[in-house]
Amino acid sequence: MKPLELEENLKKYTRIAECPVRNVISRFSGKWSMLILSVLAENESTRFNAIGKAIPDISPKVLTDTLKNLESDGFITRKLYAEIPPRVEYSLTDLGRSLMPVLGELISWAIANFDKIGRR
């Protein structure tokens, strides 16, 4: 690639408001979001406590906040059942399901390369 082409190609990352890398990937790239999406992908629908048990090191507050963010971004849906006590289940939306093959590749790569990457 010529220097001018490279410079033009890199400009797409400097347009902060229009940068898909910043504005889309940041919505699901946190460690909790990816783990939650993975748990939901393994089940048709999942209750809050089941997600918490699958990811034992996440606090209830962080789990709640992350679920709200994923819901507001359109990756998951929340269904409240009118029961006593109330039952809430989370599941992937079509958008969330469309993301899972990409995340699945990343997860596979992480598993294959876990021992090769320095740990803190």
N, C-alpha and C. Protein backbone atom coordinates (compact mmCIF):
# COMPACT_ATOMS: atom_id res chain seq x y z
N MET A 1 0.85 -1.18 0.00
CA MET A 1 0.00 0.00 0.00
C MET A 1 0.90 1.24 0.00
N LYS A 2 0.54 2.19 -0.84
CA LYS A 2 1.30 3.43 -0.94
C LYS A 2 1.04 4.30 0.28
N PRO A 3 2.00 5.16 0.66
CA PRO A 3 1.82 6.01 1.85
C PRO A 3 0.54 6.84 1.83
N LEU A 4 0.17 7.39 0.69
CA LEU A 4 -1.04 8.20 0.60
C LEU A 4 -2.29 7.33 0.80
N GLU A 5 -2.29 6.13 0.23
CA GLU A 5 -3.42 5.20 0.41
C GLU A 5 -3.53 4.79 1.87
N LEU A 6 -2.40 4.52 2.50
CA LEU A 6 -2.40 4.16 3.91
C LEU A 6 -2.96 5.28 4.76
N GLU A 7 -2.52 6.49 4.48
CA GLU A 7 -3.01 7.66 5.23
C GLU A 7 -4.52 7.82 5.08
N GLU A 8 -5.03 7.67 3.87
CA GLU A 8 -6.47 7.77 3.62
C GLU A 8 -7.22 6.65 4.31
N ASN A 9 -6.65 5.45 4.28
CA ASN A 9 -7.28 4.30 4.91
C ASN A 9 -7.39 4.49 6.42
N LEU A 10 -6.38 5.06 7.04
CA LEU A 10 -6.37 5.25 8.49
C LEU A 10 -7.29 6.38 8.94
N LYS A 11 -7.65 7.29 8.04
CA LYS A 11 -8.52 8.40 8.41
C LYS A 11 -9.88 7.94 8.91
N LYS A 12 -10.33 6.78 8.46
CA LYS A 12 -11.64 6.30 8.89
C LYS A 12 -11.70 6.11 10.41
N TYR A 13 -10.57 5.90 11.04
CA TYR A 13 -10.54 5.73 12.50
C TYR A 13 -10.52 7.07 13.23
N THR A 14 -10.20 8.14 12.54
CA THR A 14 -10.13 9.45 13.18
C THR A 14 -11.48 10.16 13.20
N ARG A 15 -12.41 9.71 12.41
CA ARG A 15 -13.75 10.29 12.39
C ARG A 15 -14.56 9.64 13.50
N ILE A 16 -14.40 10.17 14.69
CA ILE A 16 -14.91 9.54 15.90
C ILE A 16 -16.40 9.21 15.81
N ALA A 17 -17.22 10.13 15.41
CA ALA A 17 -18.67 9.92 15.38
C ALA A 17 -19.10 8.88 14.35
N GLU A 18 -18.30 8.68 13.31
CA GLU A 18 -18.66 7.76 12.23
C GLU A 18 -17.87 6.47 12.23
N CYS A 19 -17.02 6.28 13.20
CA CYS A 19 -16.14 5.12 13.22
C CYS A 19 -16.87 3.88 13.73
N PRO A 20 -17.12 2.88 12.86
CA PRO A 20 -17.80 1.68 13.30
C PRO A 20 -17.01 0.91 14.36
N VAL A 21 -15.71 0.94 14.26
CA VAL A 21 -14.89 0.22 15.24
C VAL A 21 -15.16 0.75 16.64
N ARG A 22 -15.15 2.06 16.80
CA ARG A 22 -15.40 2.65 18.11
C ARG A 22 -16.85 2.50 18.55
N ASN A 23 -17.76 2.80 17.64
CA ASN A 23 -19.15 2.99 18.01
C ASN A 23 -20.00 1.73 17.99
N VAL A 24 -19.58 0.71 17.32
CA VAL A 24 -20.34 -0.54 17.32
C VAL A 24 -19.67 -1.57 18.22
N ILE A 25 -18.40 -1.81 17.99
CA ILE A 25 -17.72 -2.85 18.74
C ILE A 25 -17.66 -2.54 20.23
N SER A 26 -17.58 -1.28 20.59
CA SER A 26 -17.53 -0.92 22.01
C SER A 26 -18.80 -1.33 22.74
N ARG A 27 -19.89 -1.51 22.03
CA ARG A 27 -21.18 -1.88 22.65
C ARG A 27 -21.17 -3.28 23.23
N PHE A 28 -20.36 -4.18 22.69
CA PHE A 28 -20.36 -5.56 23.18
C PHE A 28 -18.97 -6.07 23.51
N SER A 29 -17.96 -5.21 23.50
CA SER A 29 -16.59 -5.68 23.64
C SER A 29 -16.11 -5.82 25.07
N GLY A 30 -16.85 -5.35 26.05
CA GLY A 30 -16.44 -5.53 27.43
C GLY A 30 -16.46 -7.00 27.81
N LYS A 31 -15.64 -7.39 28.74
CA LYS A 31 -15.56 -8.82 29.08
C LYS A 31 -16.89 -9.36 29.58
N TRP A 32 -17.66 -8.57 30.30
CA TRP A 32 -18.94 -9.06 30.81
C TRP A 32 -19.95 -9.21 29.68
N SER A 33 -20.00 -8.26 28.78
CA SER A 33 -20.96 -8.32 27.68
C SER A 33 -20.75 -9.58 26.84
N MET A 34 -19.51 -9.85 26.49
CA MET A 34 -19.22 -11.03 25.67
C MET A 34 -19.59 -12.32 26.40
N LEU A 35 -19.28 -12.37 27.68
CA LEU A 35 -19.61 -13.57 28.45
C LEU A 35 -21.13 -13.75 28.56
N ILE A 36 -21.85 -12.67 28.82
CA ILE A 36 -23.30 -12.74 28.93
C ILE A 36 -23.91 -13.16 27.60
N LEU A 37 -23.46 -12.57 26.51
CA LEU A 37 -23.96 -12.95 25.19
C LEU A 37 -23.69 -14.43 24.92
N SER A 38 -22.53 -14.91 25.33
CA SER A 38 -22.19 -16.32 25.13
C SER A 38 -23.11 -17.23 25.94
N VAL A 39 -23.38 -16.85 27.18
CA VAL A 39 -24.31 -17.64 28.02
C VAL A 39 -25.69 -17.66 27.37
N LEU A 40 -26.16 -16.52 26.93
CA LEU A 40 -27.49 -16.46 26.31
C LEU A 40 -27.55 -17.23 25.00
N ALA A 41 -26.44 -17.28 24.27
CA ALA A 41 -26.41 -18.01 23.00
C ALA A 41 -26.53 -19.52 23.22
N GLU A 42 -26.16 -19.98 24.40
CA GLU A 42 -26.22 -21.42 24.69
C GLU A 42 -27.61 -21.86 25.12
N ASN A 43 -28.49 -20.92 25.39
CA ASN A 43 -29.83 -21.23 25.89
C ASN A 43 -30.87 -20.40 25.14
N GLU A 44 -32.07 -20.91 25.04
CA GLU A 44 -33.14 -20.15 24.39
C GLU A 44 -33.46 -18.90 25.19
N SER A 45 -33.63 -19.06 26.48
CA SER A 45 -33.84 -17.93 27.38
C SER A 45 -33.24 -18.29 28.73
N THR A 46 -32.79 -17.27 29.44
CA THR A 46 -32.04 -17.50 30.67
C THR A 46 -32.46 -16.50 31.72
N ARG A 47 -32.63 -16.98 32.94
CA ARG A 47 -32.99 -16.11 34.06
C ARG A 47 -31.75 -15.42 34.62
N PHE A 48 -31.98 -14.31 35.29
CA PHE A 48 -30.92 -13.49 35.87
C PHE A 48 -29.98 -14.34 36.74
N ASN A 49 -30.55 -15.11 37.67
CA ASN A 49 -29.72 -15.90 38.59
C ASN A 49 -28.90 -16.96 37.86
N ALA A 50 -29.45 -17.51 36.78
CA ALA A 50 -28.70 -18.51 36.01
C ALA A 50 -27.50 -17.87 35.32
N ILE A 51 -27.68 -16.65 34.83
CA ILE A 51 -26.56 -15.93 34.22
C ILE A 51 -25.49 -15.67 35.28
N GLY A 52 -25.93 -15.23 36.46
CA GLY A 52 -25.01 -14.97 37.56
C GLY A 52 -24.25 -16.22 37.99
N LYS A 53 -24.92 -17.37 37.98
CA LYS A 53 -24.24 -18.62 38.35
C LYS A 53 -23.25 -19.05 37.28
N ALA A 54 -23.58 -18.76 36.02
CA ALA A 54 -22.67 -19.11 34.93
C ALA A 54 -21.42 -18.23 34.93
N ILE A 55 -21.57 -17.01 35.46
CA ILE A 55 -20.45 -16.06 35.54
C ILE A 55 -20.33 -15.64 37.01
N PRO A 56 -19.75 -16.50 37.85
CA PRO A 56 -19.78 -16.26 39.29
C PRO A 56 -19.02 -15.04 39.79
N ASP A 57 -18.09 -14.51 39.00
CA ASP A 57 -17.31 -13.37 39.47
C ASP A 57 -17.89 -12.02 39.06
N ILE A 58 -19.10 -12.00 38.50
CA ILE A 58 -19.76 -10.74 38.18
C ILE A 58 -20.69 -10.37 39.34
N SER A 59 -20.66 -9.13 39.75
CA SER A 59 -21.55 -8.70 40.84
C SER A 59 -22.96 -8.50 40.29
N PRO A 60 -23.97 -8.64 41.14
CA PRO A 60 -25.35 -8.42 40.68
C PRO A 60 -25.56 -7.04 40.06
N LYS A 61 -24.93 -6.02 40.60
CA LYS A 61 -25.08 -4.66 40.06
C LYS A 61 -24.49 -4.56 38.66
N VAL A 62 -23.29 -5.11 38.48
CA VAL A 62 -22.66 -5.06 37.17
C VAL A 62 -23.45 -5.91 36.17
N LEU A 63 -23.95 -7.05 36.62
CA LEU A 63 -24.78 -7.89 35.75
C LEU A 63 -26.03 -7.13 35.31
N THR A 64 -26.69 -6.48 36.26
CA THR A 64 -27.89 -5.69 35.95
C THR A 64 -27.57 -4.58 34.96
N ASP A 65 -26.51 -3.83 35.22
CA ASP A 65 -26.13 -2.72 34.33
C ASP A 65 -25.77 -3.22 32.93
N THR A 66 -25.04 -4.32 32.87
CA THR A 66 -24.63 -4.85 31.56
C THR A 66 -25.83 -5.36 30.78
N LEU A 67 -26.75 -6.04 31.47
CA LEU A 67 -27.97 -6.50 30.81
C LEU A 67 -28.79 -5.33 30.27
N LYS A 68 -28.90 -4.26 31.05
CA LYS A 68 -29.63 -3.08 30.59
C LYS A 68 -28.98 -2.48 29.35
N ASN A 69 -27.65 -2.39 29.36
CA ASN A 69 -26.94 -1.84 28.20
C ASN A 69 -27.12 -2.71 26.96
N LEU A 70 -27.00 -4.02 27.13
CA LEU A 70 -27.18 -4.93 26.00
C LEU A 70 -28.61 -4.86 25.46
N GLU A 71 -29.57 -4.68 26.36
CA GLU A 71 -30.97 -4.55 25.94
C GLU A 71 -31.18 -3.23 25.19
N SER A 72 -30.66 -2.14 25.73
CA SER A 72 -30.86 -0.85 25.08
C SER A 72 -30.15 -0.77 23.72
N ASP A 73 -29.08 -1.55 23.55
CA ASP A 73 -28.37 -1.59 22.27
C ASP A 73 -29.01 -2.56 21.28
N GLY A 74 -29.99 -3.33 21.74
CA GLY A 74 -30.72 -4.22 20.85
C GLY A 74 -30.17 -5.62 20.71
N PHE A 75 -29.20 -6.01 21.54
CA PHE A 75 -28.61 -7.34 21.45
C PHE A 75 -29.43 -8.40 22.18
N ILE A 76 -30.12 -7.99 23.24
CA ILE A 76 -30.92 -8.95 24.01
C ILE A 76 -32.30 -8.38 24.27
N THR A 77 -33.19 -9.26 24.65
CA THR A 77 -34.52 -8.85 25.05
C THR A 77 -34.80 -9.37 26.45
N ARG A 78 -35.62 -8.65 27.17
CA ARG A 78 -35.99 -8.97 28.55
C ARG A 78 -37.48 -9.23 28.58
N LYS A 79 -37.87 -10.38 29.10
CA LYS A 79 -39.28 -10.72 29.18
C LYS A 79 -39.67 -10.91 30.64
N LEU A 80 -40.65 -10.12 31.07
CA LEU A 80 -41.14 -10.17 32.45
C LEU A 80 -42.44 -10.96 32.46
N TYR A 81 -42.51 -11.98 33.31
CA TYR A 81 -43.72 -12.79 33.45
C TYR A 81 -44.49 -12.30 34.67
N ALA A 82 -45.79 -12.15 34.52
CA ALA A 82 -46.65 -11.67 35.61
C ALA A 82 -46.94 -12.82 36.56
N GLU A 83 -45.96 -13.15 37.36
CA GLU A 83 -46.07 -14.22 38.35
C GLU A 83 -45.62 -13.68 39.69
N ILE A 84 -45.92 -14.42 40.73
CA ILE A 84 -45.45 -14.05 42.06
C ILE A 84 -44.61 -15.21 42.55
N PRO A 85 -43.32 -15.01 42.80
CA PRO A 85 -42.56 -13.80 42.53
C PRO A 85 -42.37 -13.59 41.02
N PRO A 86 -42.12 -12.36 40.62
CA PRO A 86 -41.94 -12.09 39.19
C PRO A 86 -40.76 -12.88 38.62
N ARG A 87 -40.94 -13.33 37.41
CA ARG A 87 -39.89 -14.07 36.71
C ARG A 87 -39.46 -13.25 35.51
N VAL A 88 -38.15 -13.10 35.35
CA VAL A 88 -37.60 -12.35 34.22
C VAL A 88 -36.63 -13.26 33.48
N GLU A 89 -36.77 -13.29 32.16
CA GLU A 89 -35.87 -14.09 31.33
C GLU A 89 -35.26 -13.21 30.25
N TYR A 90 -34.03 -13.51 29.92
CA TYR A 90 -33.30 -12.77 28.90
C TYR A 90 -33.00 -13.72 27.74
N SER A 91 -33.01 -13.18 26.54
CA SER A 91 -32.65 -13.96 25.36
C SER A 91 -32.07 -13.04 24.30
N LEU A 92 -31.39 -13.65 23.34
CA LEU A 92 -30.80 -12.89 22.26
C LEU A 92 -31.88 -12.42 21.28
N THR A 93 -31.70 -11.25 20.74
CA THR A 93 -32.54 -10.76 19.65
C THR A 93 -31.93 -11.28 18.34
N ASP A 94 -32.58 -10.98 17.23
CA ASP A 94 -32.00 -11.34 15.93
C ASP A 94 -30.64 -10.68 15.76
N LEU A 95 -30.52 -9.43 16.20
CA LEU A 95 -29.24 -8.74 16.11
C LEU A 95 -28.18 -9.46 16.94
N GLY A 96 -28.54 -9.86 18.15
CA GLY A 96 -27.61 -10.58 19.02
C GLY A 96 -27.21 -11.92 18.42
N ARG A 97 -28.20 -12.64 17.86
CA ARG A 97 -27.88 -13.92 17.22
C ARG A 97 -26.96 -13.74 16.01
N SER A 98 -27.15 -12.63 15.28
CA SER A 98 -26.30 -12.39 14.11
C SER A 98 -24.85 -12.10 14.50
N LEU A 99 -24.65 -11.65 15.73
CA LEU A 99 -23.31 -11.35 16.22
C LEU A 99 -22.57 -12.62 16.67
N MET A 100 -23.30 -13.65 17.06
CA MET A 100 -22.68 -14.80 17.70
C MET A 100 -21.69 -15.58 16.82
N PRO A 101 -21.89 -15.70 15.52
CA PRO A 101 -20.84 -16.38 14.74
C PRO A 101 -19.50 -15.64 14.81
N VAL A 102 -19.55 -14.32 14.82
CA VAL A 102 -18.33 -13.52 14.92
C VAL A 102 -17.70 -13.71 16.31
N LEU A 103 -18.51 -13.60 17.34
CA LEU A 103 -17.98 -13.81 18.70
C LEU A 103 -17.51 -15.25 18.88
N GLY A 104 -18.20 -16.19 18.26
CA GLY A 104 -17.79 -17.59 18.34
C GLY A 104 -16.39 -17.80 17.80
N GLU A 105 -16.08 -17.11 16.70
CA GLU A 105 -14.73 -17.18 16.14
C GLU A 105 -13.71 -16.60 17.11
N LEU A 106 -14.05 -15.47 17.73
CA LEU A 106 -13.15 -14.85 18.70
C LEU A 106 -12.96 -15.75 19.91
N ILE A 107 -14.03 -16.38 20.37
CA ILE A 107 -13.95 -17.29 21.51
C ILE A 107 -13.07 -18.49 21.16
N SER A 108 -13.25 -19.03 19.98
CA SER A 108 -12.41 -20.16 19.54
C SER A 108 -10.94 -19.76 19.48
N TRP A 109 -10.70 -18.56 18.95
CA TRP A 109 -9.33 -18.07 18.88
C TRP A 109 -8.74 -17.91 20.28
N ALA A 110 -9.54 -17.36 21.21
CA ALA A 110 -9.07 -17.15 22.58
C ALA A 110 -8.72 -18.49 23.24
N ILE A 111 -9.55 -19.48 23.04
CA ILE A 111 -9.29 -20.80 23.62
C ILE A 111 -8.01 -21.40 23.03
N ALA A 112 -7.85 -21.28 21.72
CA ALA A 112 -6.67 -21.85 21.05
C ALA A 112 -5.38 -21.14 21.43
N ASN A 113 -5.46 -19.85 21.77
CA ASN A 113 -4.25 -19.06 22.02
C ASN A 113 -4.06 -18.62 23.46
N PHE A 114 -4.89 -19.09 24.35
CA PHE A 114 -4.87 -18.68 25.75
C PHE A 114 -3.48 -18.83 26.37
N ASP A 115 -2.83 -19.95 26.12
CA ASP A 115 -1.52 -20.20 26.73
C ASP A 115 -0.39 -19.40 26.10
N LYS A 116 -0.64 -18.80 24.94
CA LYS A 116 0.40 -18.07 24.23
C LYS A 116 0.41 -16.58 24.60
N ILE A 117 -0.60 -16.13 25.28
CA ILE A 117 -0.72 -14.71 25.59
C ILE A 117 -0.31 -14.47 27.04
N GLY A 118 0.51 -13.46 27.26
CA GLY A 118 0.99 -13.14 28.60
C GLY A 118 -0.17 -12.81 29.54
N ARG A 119 -0.07 -13.29 30.74
CA ARG A 119 -1.10 -13.03 31.75
C ARG A 119 -0.58 -12.05 32.77
N ARG A 120 -1.47 -11.24 33.27
CA ARG A 120 -1.11 -10.26 34.31
C ARG A 120 -1.36 -10.82 35.67
